[in-house]
Amino acid sequence: MGPGDVFSLLIVVAGLAGGVMYLAKRFFSFREKQLEVDARLAAEKAAQYASSNAQLEQRVRVLEQIVTDRGAETAAQIDALRQTQIAPAAHRAEQEPLG
């Protein structure tokens, strides 16, 4: 094996090493972009969950206020609404002819 053969072998090995390094760099660059996209999607979902959670907390506060502040009054209002809904339905049933 002469000096020309060794030099040719070094060029081939260097070319293969360079090709492998290039492919590795491209792969890791692609993977990094994938992770960035996944991170953005996760952040958007977290924001949506936080918004939904805030809305649910507000609704629970309202329900707690209704239950603790005016429990008896609210029950009377609900019963009054039920009575007004039952009365028109009964009135319509009386007016409809049978058969």
PDB file of N, CA and C in Angstrom:
ATOM      1  N   MET A   1       0.859  -1.159   0.000  1.00  0.00           N
ATOM      2  CA  MET A   1       0.000   0.000   0.000  1.00  0.00           C
ATOM      3  C   MET A   1       0.908   1.225   0.000  1.00  0.00           C
ATOM      4  N   GLY A   2       0.776   1.997  -1.035  1.00  0.00           N
ATOM      5  CA  GLY A   2       1.632   3.158  -1.177  1.00  0.00           C
ATOM      6  C   GLY A   2       1.002   4.405  -0.593  1.00  0.00           C
ATOM      7  N   PRO A   3       1.723   5.518  -0.659  1.00  0.00           N
ATOM      8  CA  PRO A   3       1.209   6.768  -0.117  1.00  0.00           C
ATOM      9  C   PRO A   3      -0.030   7.246  -0.866  1.00  0.00           C
ATOM     10  N   GLY A   4      -0.135   6.972  -2.132  1.00  0.00           N
ATOM     11  CA  GLY A   4      -1.325   7.375  -2.897  1.00  0.00           C
ATOM     12  C   GLY A   4      -2.558   6.616  -2.444  1.00  0.00           C
ATOM     13  N   ASP A   5      -2.383   5.328  -2.139  1.00  0.00           N
ATOM     14  CA  ASP A   5      -3.516   4.530  -1.654  1.00  0.00           C
ATOM     15  C   ASP A   5      -3.977   5.000  -0.267  1.00  0.00           C
ATOM     16  N   VAL A   6      -3.041   5.313   0.599  1.00  0.00           N
ATOM     17  CA  VAL A   6      -3.376   5.801   1.942  1.00  0.00           C
ATOM     18  C   VAL A   6      -4.091   7.139   1.830  1.00  0.00           C
ATOM     19  N   PHE A   7      -3.600   8.001   0.961  1.00  0.00           N
ATOM     20  CA  PHE A   7      -4.238   9.312   0.771  1.00  0.00           C
ATOM     21  C   PHE A   7      -5.663   9.138   0.234  1.00  0.00           C
ATOM     22  N   SER A   8      -5.851   8.231  -0.720  1.00  0.00           N
ATOM     23  CA  SER A   8      -7.190   7.960  -1.275  1.00  0.00           C
ATOM     24  C   SER A   8      -8.114   7.413  -0.197  1.00  0.00           C
ATOM     25  N   LEU A   9      -7.599   6.517   0.626  1.00  0.00           N
ATOM     26  CA  LEU A   9      -8.394   5.951   1.710  1.00  0.00           C
ATOM     27  C   LEU A   9      -8.798   7.033   2.707  1.00  0.00           C
ATOM     28  N   LEU A  10      -7.891   7.933   3.031  1.00  0.00           N
ATOM     29  CA  LEU A  10      -8.213   9.038   3.953  1.00  0.00           C
ATOM     30  C   LEU A  10      -9.279   9.948   3.363  1.00  0.00           C
ATOM     31  N   ILE A  11      -9.208  10.202   2.067  1.00  0.00           N
ATOM     32  CA  ILE A  11     -10.223  11.040   1.417  1.00  0.00           C
ATOM     33  C   ILE A  11     -11.592  10.364   1.478  1.00  0.00           C
ATOM     34  N   VAL A  12     -11.636   9.070   1.212  1.00  0.00           N
ATOM     35  CA  VAL A  12     -12.909   8.332   1.254  1.00  0.00           C
ATOM     36  C   VAL A  12     -13.467   8.330   2.675  1.00  0.00           C
ATOM     37  N   VAL A  13     -12.629   8.042   3.657  1.00  0.00           N
ATOM     38  CA  VAL A  13     -13.079   8.014   5.057  1.00  0.00           C
ATOM     39  C   VAL A  13     -13.530   9.406   5.486  1.00  0.00           C
ATOM     40  N   ALA A  14     -12.787  10.435   5.112  1.00  0.00           N
ATOM     41  CA  ALA A  14     -13.176  11.805   5.462  1.00  0.00           C
ATOM     42  C   ALA A  14     -14.500  12.170   4.794  1.00  0.00           C
ATOM     43  N   GLY A  15     -14.695  11.747   3.563  1.00  0.00           N
ATOM     44  CA  GLY A  15     -15.959  12.022   2.867  1.00  0.00           C
ATOM     45  C   GLY A  15     -17.128  11.321   3.538  1.00  0.00           C
ATOM     46  N   LEU A  16     -16.929  10.053   3.905  1.00  0.00           N
ATOM     47  CA  LEU A  16     -17.989   9.321   4.605  1.00  0.00           C
ATOM     48  C   LEU A  16     -18.288   9.950   5.960  1.00  0.00           C
ATOM     49  N   ALA A  17     -17.243  10.330   6.688  1.00  0.00           N
ATOM     50  CA  ALA A  17     -17.442  10.973   7.988  1.00  0.00           C
ATOM     51  C   ALA A  17     -18.174  12.305   7.816  1.00  0.00           C
ATOM     52  N   GLY A  18     -17.804  13.045   6.801  1.00  0.00           N
ATOM     53  CA  GLY A  18     -18.491  14.316   6.533  1.00  0.00           C
ATOM     54  C   GLY A  18     -19.949  14.096   6.176  1.00  0.00           C
ATOM     55  N   GLY A  19     -20.223  13.071   5.378  1.00  0.00           N
ATOM     56  CA  GLY A  19     -21.610  12.754   5.025  1.00  0.00           C
ATOM     57  C   GLY A  19     -22.430  12.352   6.232  1.00  0.00           C
ATOM     58  N   VAL A  20     -21.850  11.524   7.097  1.00  0.00           N
ATOM     59  CA  VAL A  20     -22.542  11.109   8.313  1.00  0.00           C
ATOM     60  C   VAL A  20     -22.794  12.312   9.219  1.00  0.00           C
ATOM     61  N   MET A  21     -21.825  13.187   9.355  1.00  0.00           N
ATOM     62  CA  MET A  21     -21.997  14.386  10.181  1.00  0.00           C
ATOM     63  C   MET A  21     -23.083  15.294   9.606  1.00  0.00           C
ATOM     64  N   TYR A  22     -23.115  15.434   8.287  1.00  0.00           N
ATOM     65  CA  TYR A  22     -24.135  16.265   7.648  1.00  0.00           C
ATOM     66  C   TYR A  22     -25.525  15.698   7.909  1.00  0.00           C
ATOM     67  N   LEU A  23     -25.674  14.378   7.719  1.00  0.00           N
ATOM     68  CA  LEU A  23     -26.967  13.740   7.964  1.00  0.00           C
ATOM     69  C   LEU A  23     -27.383  13.849   9.428  1.00  0.00           C
ATOM     70  N   ALA A  24     -26.426  13.683  10.330  1.00  0.00           N
ATOM     71  CA  ALA A  24     -26.732  13.807  11.755  1.00  0.00           C
ATOM     72  C   ALA A  24     -27.183  15.227  12.088  1.00  0.00           C
ATOM     73  N   LYS A  25     -26.500  16.203  11.516  1.00  0.00           N
ATOM     74  CA  LYS A  25     -26.874  17.604  11.764  1.00  0.00           C
ATOM     75  C   LYS A  25     -28.289  17.878  11.254  1.00  0.00           C
ATOM     76  N   ARG A  26     -28.608  17.388  10.055  1.00  0.00           N
ATOM     77  CA  ARG A  26     -29.953  17.581   9.504  1.00  0.00           C
ATOM     78  C   ARG A  26     -31.005  16.892  10.371  1.00  0.00           C
ATOM     79  N   PHE A  27     -30.698  15.682  10.803  1.00  0.00           N
ATOM     80  CA  PHE A  27     -31.640  14.932  11.636  1.00  0.00           C
ATOM     81  C   PHE A  27     -31.912  15.679  12.937  1.00  0.00           C
ATOM     82  N   PHE A  28     -30.858  16.126  13.612  1.00  0.00           N
ATOM     83  CA  PHE A  28     -31.043  16.806  14.893  1.00  0.00           C
ATOM     84  C   PHE A  28     -31.713  18.164  14.713  1.00  0.00           C
ATOM     85  N   SER A  29     -31.474  18.815  13.599  1.00  0.00           N
ATOM     86  CA  SER A  29     -32.157  20.076  13.315  1.00  0.00           C
ATOM     87  C   SER A  29     -33.649  19.827  13.122  1.00  0.00           C
ATOM     88  N   PHE A  30     -33.972  18.778  12.379  1.00  0.00           N
ATOM     89  CA  PHE A  30     -35.378  18.412  12.171  1.00  0.00           C
ATOM     90  C   PHE A  30     -36.037  18.054  13.498  1.00  0.00           C
ATOM     91  N   ARG A  31     -35.345  17.285  14.310  1.00  0.00           N
ATOM     92  CA  ARG A  31     -35.888  16.865  15.606  1.00  0.00           C
ATOM     93  C   ARG A  31     -36.113  18.074  16.522  1.00  0.00           C
ATOM     94  N   GLU A  32     -35.204  19.038  16.476  1.00  0.00           N
ATOM     95  CA  GLU A  32     -35.355  20.243  17.288  1.00  0.00           C
ATOM     96  C   GLU A  32     -36.597  21.029  16.866  1.00  0.00           C
ATOM     97  N   LYS A  33     -36.826  21.128  15.557  1.00  0.00           N
ATOM     98  CA  LYS A  33     -38.026  21.828  15.076  1.00  0.00           C
ATOM     99  C   LYS A  33     -39.289  21.093  15.502  1.00  0.00           C
ATOM    100  N   GLN A  34     -39.254  19.767  15.464  1.00  0.00           N
ATOM    101  CA  GLN A  34     -40.402  18.987  15.921  1.00  0.00           C
ATOM    102  C   GLN A  34     -40.699  19.268  17.392  1.00  0.00           C
ATOM    103  N   LEU A  35     -39.681  19.307  18.204  1.00  0.00           N
ATOM    104  CA  LEU A  35     -39.860  19.567  19.630  1.00  0.00           C
ATOM    105  C   LEU A  35     -40.396  20.978  19.882  1.00  0.00           C
ATOM    106  N   GLU A  36     -39.956  21.944  19.084  1.00  0.00           N
ATOM    107  CA  GLU A  36     -40.463  23.313  19.227  1.00  0.00           C
ATOM    108  C   GLU A  36     -41.954  23.372  18.903  1.00  0.00           C
ATOM    109  N   VAL A  37     -42.348  22.676  17.842  1.00  0.00           N
ATOM    110  CA  VAL A  37     -43.767  22.645  17.474  1.00  0.00           C
ATOM    111  C   VAL A  37     -44.578  21.965  18.575  1.00  0.00           C
ATOM    112  N   ASP A  38     -44.081  20.852  19.084  1.00  0.00           N
ATOM    113  CA  ASP A  38     -44.773  20.160  20.172  1.00  0.00           C
ATOM    114  C   ASP A  38     -44.885  21.044  21.408  1.00  0.00           C
ATOM    115  N   ALA A  39     -43.836  21.793  21.701  1.00  0.00           N
ATOM    116  CA  ALA A  39     -43.867  22.688  22.862  1.00  0.00           C
ATOM    117  C   ALA A  39     -44.912  23.791  22.668  1.00  0.00           C
ATOM    118  N   ARG A  40     -44.993  24.336  21.453  1.00  0.00           N
ATOM    119  CA  ARG A  40     -45.997  25.376  21.182  1.00  0.00           C
ATOM    120  C   ARG A  40     -47.407  24.818  21.334  1.00  0.00           C
ATOM    121  N   LEU A  41     -47.639  23.612  20.808  1.00  0.00           N
ATOM    122  CA  LEU A  41     -48.961  22.992  20.931  1.00  0.00           C
ATOM    123  C   LEU A  41     -49.305  22.727  22.396  1.00  0.00           C
ATOM    124  N   ALA A  42     -48.340  22.267  23.150  1.00  0.00           N
ATOM    125  CA  ALA A  42     -48.574  22.016  24.575  1.00  0.00           C
ATOM    126  C   ALA A  42     -48.899  23.318  25.302  1.00  0.00           C
ATOM    127  N   ALA A  43     -48.218  24.393  24.945  1.00  0.00           N
ATOM    128  CA  ALA A  43     -48.480  25.689  25.578  1.00  0.00           C
ATOM    129  C   ALA A  43     -49.884  26.184  25.237  1.00  0.00           C
ATOM    130  N   GLU A  44     -50.306  25.979  23.983  1.00  0.00           N
ATOM    131  CA  GLU A  44     -51.653  26.389  23.590  1.00  0.00           C
ATOM    132  C   GLU A  44     -52.707  25.583  24.342  1.00  0.00           C
ATOM    133  N   LYS A  45     -52.487  24.280  24.469  1.00  0.00           N
ATOM    134  CA  LYS A  45     -53.441  23.447  25.214  1.00  0.00           C
ATOM    135  C   LYS A  45     -53.485  23.864  26.678  1.00  0.00           C
ATOM    136  N   ALA A  46     -52.339  24.164  27.244  1.00  0.00           N
ATOM    137  CA  ALA A  46     -52.293  24.598  28.641  1.00  0.00           C
ATOM    138  C   ALA A  46     -53.072  25.904  28.821  1.00  0.00           C
ATOM    139  N   ALA A  47     -52.947  26.803  27.862  1.00  0.00           N
ATOM    140  CA  ALA A  47     -53.689  28.068  27.934  1.00  0.00           C
ATOM    141  C   ALA A  47     -55.195  27.821  27.839  1.00  0.00           C
ATOM    142  N   GLN A  48     -55.590  26.900  26.956  1.00  0.00           N
ATOM    143  CA  GLN A  48     -57.009  26.571  26.835  1.00  0.00           C
ATOM    144  C   GLN A  48     -57.533  25.953  28.125  1.00  0.00           C
ATOM    145  N   TYR A  49     -56.758  25.037  28.716  1.00  0.00           N
ATOM    146  CA  TYR A  49     -57.181  24.423  29.971  1.00  0.00           C
ATOM    147  C   TYR A  49     -57.257  25.447  31.084  1.00  0.00           C
ATOM    148  N   ALA A  50     -56.328  26.374  31.106  1.00  0.00           N
ATOM    149  CA  ALA A  50     -56.345  27.420  32.134  1.00  0.00           C
ATOM    150  C   ALA A  50     -57.587  28.296  31.983  1.00  0.00           C
ATOM    151  N   SER A  51     -57.924  28.624  30.746  1.00  0.00           N
ATOM    152  CA  SER A  51     -59.116  29.433  30.493  1.00  0.00           C
ATOM    153  C   SER A  51     -60.373  28.679  30.918  1.00  0.00           C
ATOM    154  N   SER A  52     -60.453  27.425  30.538  1.00  0.00           N
ATOM    155  CA  SER A  52     -61.601  26.608  30.909  1.00  0.00           C
ATOM    156  C   SER A  52     -61.683  26.465  32.423  1.00  0.00           C
ATOM    157  N   ASN A  53     -60.549  26.271  33.057  1.00  0.00           N
ATOM    158  CA  ASN A  53     -60.508  26.145  34.506  1.00  0.00           C
ATOM    159  C   ASN A  53     -60.985  27.424  35.179  1.00  0.00           C
ATOM    160  N   ALA A  54     -60.576  28.562  34.649  1.00  0.00           N
ATOM    161  CA  ALA A  54     -61.006  29.848  35.221  1.00  0.00           C
ATOM    162  C   ALA A  54     -62.521  30.008  35.093  1.00  0.00           C
ATOM    163  N   GLN A  55     -63.082  29.602  33.963  1.00  0.00           N
ATOM    164  CA  GLN A  55     -64.533  29.696  33.774  1.00  0.00           C
ATOM    165  C   GLN A  55     -65.262  28.785  34.758  1.00  0.00           C
ATOM    166  N   LEU A  56     -64.747  27.574  34.927  1.00  0.00           N
ATOM    167  CA  LEU A  56     -65.383  26.646  35.872  1.00  0.00           C
ATOM    168  C   LEU A  56     -65.289  27.165  37.304  1.00  0.00           C
ATOM    169  N   GLU A  57     -64.161  27.744  37.665  1.00  0.00           N
ATOM    170  CA  GLU A  57     -64.014  28.310  39.005  1.00  0.00           C
ATOM    171  C   GLU A  57     -65.018  29.440  39.227  1.00  0.00           C
ATOM    172  N   GLN A  58     -65.220  30.257  38.208  1.00  0.00           N
ATOM    173  CA  GLN A  58     -66.186  31.353  38.328  1.00  0.00           C
ATOM    174  C   GLN A  58     -67.602  30.801  38.518  1.00  0.00           C
ATOM    175  N   ARG A  59     -67.939  29.758  37.765  1.00  0.00           N
ATOM    176  CA  ARG A  59     -69.270  29.166  37.906  1.00  0.00           C
ATOM    177  C   ARG A  59     -69.460  28.557  39.289  1.00  0.00           C
ATOM    178  N   VAL A  60     -68.420  27.920  39.814  1.00  0.00           N
ATOM    179  CA  VAL A  60     -68.510  27.340  41.157  1.00  0.00           C
ATOM    180  C   VAL A  60     -68.684  28.444  42.190  1.00  0.00           C
ATOM    181  N   ARG A  61     -67.982  29.566  42.024  1.00  0.00           N
ATOM    182  CA  ARG A  61     -68.160  30.693  42.956  1.00  0.00           C
ATOM    183  C   ARG A  61     -69.603  31.189  42.957  1.00  0.00           C
ATOM    184  N   VAL A  62     -70.193  31.287  41.766  1.00  0.00           N
ATOM    185  CA  VAL A  62     -71.585  31.741  41.674  1.00  0.00           C
ATOM    186  C   VAL A  62     -72.509  30.747  42.368  1.00  0.00           C
ATOM    187  N   LEU A  63     -72.281  29.461  42.115  1.00  0.00           N
ATOM    188  CA  LEU A  63     -73.119  28.454  42.765  1.00  0.00           C
ATOM    189  C   LEU A  63     -72.957  28.481  44.281  1.00  0.00           C
ATOM    190  N   GLU A  64     -71.731  28.639  44.755  1.00  0.00           N
ATOM    191  CA  GLU A  64     -71.504  28.739  46.192  1.00  0.00           C
ATOM    192  C   GLU A  64     -72.228  29.945  46.771  1.00  0.00           C
ATOM    193  N   GLN A  65     -72.187  31.043  46.045  1.00  0.00           N
ATOM    194  CA  GLN A  65     -72.860  32.245  46.532  1.00  0.00           C
ATOM    195  C   GLN A  65     -74.367  32.027  46.590  1.00  0.00           C
ATOM    196  N   ILE A  66     -74.909  31.383  45.572  1.00  0.00           N
ATOM    197  CA  ILE A  66     -76.358  31.113  45.562  1.00  0.00           C
ATOM    198  C   ILE A  66     -76.733  30.215  46.727  1.00  0.00           C
ATOM    199  N   VAL A  67     -75.957  29.177  46.933  1.00  0.00           N
ATOM    200  CA  VAL A  67     -76.276  28.212  47.990  1.00  0.00           C
ATOM    201  C   VAL A  67     -76.136  28.837  49.368  1.00  0.00           C
ATOM    202  N   THR A  68     -75.099  29.597  49.589  1.00  0.00           N
ATOM    203  CA  THR A  68     -74.855  30.120  50.932  1.00  0.00           C
ATOM    204  C   THR A  68     -75.609  31.401  51.235  1.00  0.00           C
ATOM    205  N   ASP A  69     -75.858  32.252  50.244  1.00  0.00           N
ATOM    206  CA  ASP A  69     -76.470  33.550  50.516  1.00  0.00           C
ATOM    207  C   ASP A  69     -77.996  33.496  50.562  1.00  0.00           C
ATOM    208  N   ARG A  70     -78.588  32.884  49.569  1.00  0.00           N
ATOM    209  CA  ARG A  70     -80.043  32.974  49.477  1.00  0.00           C
ATOM    210  C   ARG A  70     -80.641  31.599  49.186  1.00  0.00           C
ATOM    211  N   GLY A  71     -80.287  30.623  49.969  1.00  0.00           N
ATOM    212  CA  GLY A  71     -80.742  29.260  49.714  1.00  0.00           C
ATOM    213  C   GLY A  71     -82.257  29.135  49.727  1.00  0.00           C
ATOM    214  N   ALA A  72     -82.899  29.628  50.752  1.00  0.00           N
ATOM    215  CA  ALA A  72     -84.348  29.491  50.874  1.00  0.00           C
ATOM    216  C   ALA A  72     -85.059  30.342  49.833  1.00  0.00           C
ATOM    217  N   GLU A  73     -84.544  31.551  49.617  1.00  0.00           N
ATOM    218  CA  GLU A  73     -85.159  32.447  48.628  1.00  0.00           C
ATOM    219  C   GLU A  73     -85.044  31.859  47.223  1.00  0.00           C
ATOM    220  N   THR A  74     -83.907  31.285  46.912  1.00  0.00           N
ATOM    221  CA  THR A  74     -83.702  30.685  45.598  1.00  0.00           C
ATOM    222  C   THR A  74     -84.629  29.498  45.396  1.00  0.00           C
ATOM    223  N   ALA A  75     -84.782  28.676  46.425  1.00  0.00           N
ATOM    224  CA  ALA A  75     -85.691  27.526  46.324  1.00  0.00           C
ATOM    225  C   ALA A  75     -87.112  27.999  46.054  1.00  0.00           C
ATOM    226  N   ALA A  76     -87.537  29.070  46.705  1.00  0.00           N
ATOM    227  CA  ALA A  76     -88.881  29.614  46.481  1.00  0.00           C
ATOM    228  C   ALA A  76     -89.009  30.128  45.043  1.00  0.00           C
ATOM    229  N   GLN A  77     -87.962  30.774  44.538  1.00  0.00           N
ATOM    230  CA  GLN A  77     -88.001  31.264  43.156  1.00  0.00           C
ATOM    231  C   GLN A  77     -88.081  30.109  42.163  1.00  0.00           C
ATOM    232  N   ILE A  78     -87.334  29.044  42.417  1.00  0.00           N
ATOM    233  CA  ILE A  78     -87.376  27.875  41.526  1.00  0.00           C
ATOM    234  C   ILE A  78     -88.759  27.247  41.555  1.00  0.00           C
ATOM    235  N   ASP A  79     -89.340  27.110  42.726  1.00  0.00           N
ATOM    236  CA  ASP A  79     -90.690  26.547  42.823  1.00  0.00           C
ATOM    237  C   ASP A  79     -91.699  27.431  42.098  1.00  0.00           C
ATOM    238  N   ALA A  80     -91.556  28.740  42.217  1.00  0.00           N
ATOM    239  CA  ALA A  80     -92.462  29.661  41.523  1.00  0.00           C
ATOM    240  C   ALA A  80     -92.322  29.503  40.009  1.00  0.00           C
ATOM    241  N   LEU A  81     -91.101  29.346  39.534  1.00  0.00           N
ATOM    242  CA  LEU A  81     -90.902  29.135  38.097  1.00  0.00           C
ATOM    243  C   LEU A  81     -91.521  27.815  37.650  1.00  0.00           C
ATOM    244  N   ARG A  82     -91.402  26.795  38.466  1.00  0.00           N
ATOM    245  CA  ARG A  82     -92.012  25.503  38.117  1.00  0.00           C
ATOM    246  C   ARG A  82     -93.530  25.630  38.023  1.00  0.00           C
ATOM    247  N   GLN A  83     -94.109  26.357  38.943  1.00  0.00           N
ATOM    248  CA  GLN A  83     -95.565  26.524  38.944  1.00  0.00           C
ATOM    249  C   GLN A  83     -96.030  27.274  37.705  1.00  0.00           C
ATOM    250  N   THR A  84     -95.269  28.294  37.287  1.00  0.00           N
ATOM    251  CA  THR A  84     -95.679  29.052  36.107  1.00  0.00           C
ATOM    252  C   THR A  84     -95.502  28.221  34.842  1.00  0.00           C
ATOM    253  N   GLN A  85     -94.583  27.265  34.851  1.00  0.00           N
ATOM    254  CA  GLN A  85     -94.402  26.403  33.686  1.00  0.00           C
ATOM    255  C   GLN A  85     -95.451  25.306  33.660  1.00  0.00           C
ATOM    256  N   ILE A  86     -95.881  24.823  34.814  1.00  0.00           N
ATOM    257  CA  ILE A  86     -96.884  23.758  34.877  1.00  0.00           C
ATOM    258  C   ILE A  86     -98.258  24.300  34.529  1.00  0.00           C
ATOM    259  N   ALA A  87     -98.591  25.489  34.990  1.00  0.00           N
ATOM    260  CA  ALA A  87     -99.923  26.051  34.765  1.00  0.00           C
ATOM    261  C   ALA A  87    -100.240  26.230  33.284  1.00  0.00           C
ATOM    262  N   PRO A  88     -99.395  26.836  32.447  1.00  0.00           N
ATOM    263  CA  PRO A  88     -99.737  26.961  31.030  1.00  0.00           C
ATOM    264  C   PRO A  88     -99.845  25.604  30.333  1.00  0.00           C
ATOM    265  N   ALA A  89     -99.048  24.641  30.731  1.00  0.00           N
ATOM    266  CA  ALA A  89     -99.123  23.315  30.112  1.00  0.00           C
ATOM    267  C   ALA A  89    -100.445  22.652  30.451  1.00  0.00           C
ATOM    268  N   ALA A  90    -100.914  22.793  31.683  1.00  0.00           N
ATOM    269  CA  ALA A  90    -102.197  22.223  32.090  1.00  0.00           C
ATOM    270  C   ALA A  90    -103.329  22.942  31.367  1.00  0.00           C
ATOM    271  N   HIS A  91    -103.212  24.247  31.200  1.00  0.00           N
ATOM    272  CA  HIS A  91    -104.240  25.033  30.514  1.00  0.00           C
ATOM    273  C   HIS A  91    -104.347  24.603  29.050  1.00  0.00           C
ATOM    274  N   ARG A  92    -103.213  24.366  28.392  1.00  0.00           N
ATOM    275  CA  ARG A  92    -103.226  23.919  26.994  1.00  0.00           C
ATOM    276  C   ARG A  92    -103.862  22.538  26.884  1.00  0.00           C
ATOM    277  N   ALA A  93    -103.603  21.665  27.837  1.00  0.00           N
ATOM    278  CA  ALA A  93    -104.154  20.311  27.796  1.00  0.00           C
ATOM    279  C   ALA A  93    -105.670  20.348  27.930  1.00  0.00           C
ATOM    280  N   GLU A  94    -106.199  21.312  28.704  1.00  0.00           N
ATOM    281  CA  GLU A  94    -107.649  21.432  28.866  1.00  0.00           C
ATOM    282  C   GLU A  94    -108.305  21.911  27.587  1.00  0.00           C
ATOM    283  N   GLN A  95    -107.618  22.738  26.794  1.00  0.00           N
ATOM    284  CA  GLN A  95    -108.199  23.308  25.593  1.00  0.00           C
ATOM    285  C   GLN A  95    -108.144  22.356  24.402  1.00  0.00           C
ATOM    286  N   GLU A  96    -107.267  21.371  24.398  1.00  0.00           N
ATOM    287  CA  GLU A  96    -107.148  20.469  23.258  1.00  0.00           C
ATOM    288  C   GLU A  96    -108.296  19.475  23.271  1.00  0.00           C
ATOM    289  N   PRO A  97    -108.963  19.332  22.127  1.00  0.00           N
ATOM    290  CA  PRO A  97    -110.086  18.361  22.080  1.00  0.00           C
ATOM    291  C   PRO A  97    -109.545  16.926  22.065  1.00  0.00           C
ATOM    292  N   LEU A  98    -110.265  16.053  22.657  1.00  0.00           N
ATOM    293  CA  LEU A  98    -109.907  14.658  22.677  1.00  0.00           C
ATOM    294  C   LEU A  98    -110.510  13.969  21.461  1.00  0.00           C
ATOM    295  N   GLY A  99    -109.733  13.185  20.756  1.00  0.00           N
ATOM    296  CA  GLY A  99    -110.229  12.360  19.672  1.00  0.00           C
ATOM    297  C   GLY A  99    -110.218  13.032  18.414  1.00  0.00           C
TER     298      GLY A  99
END
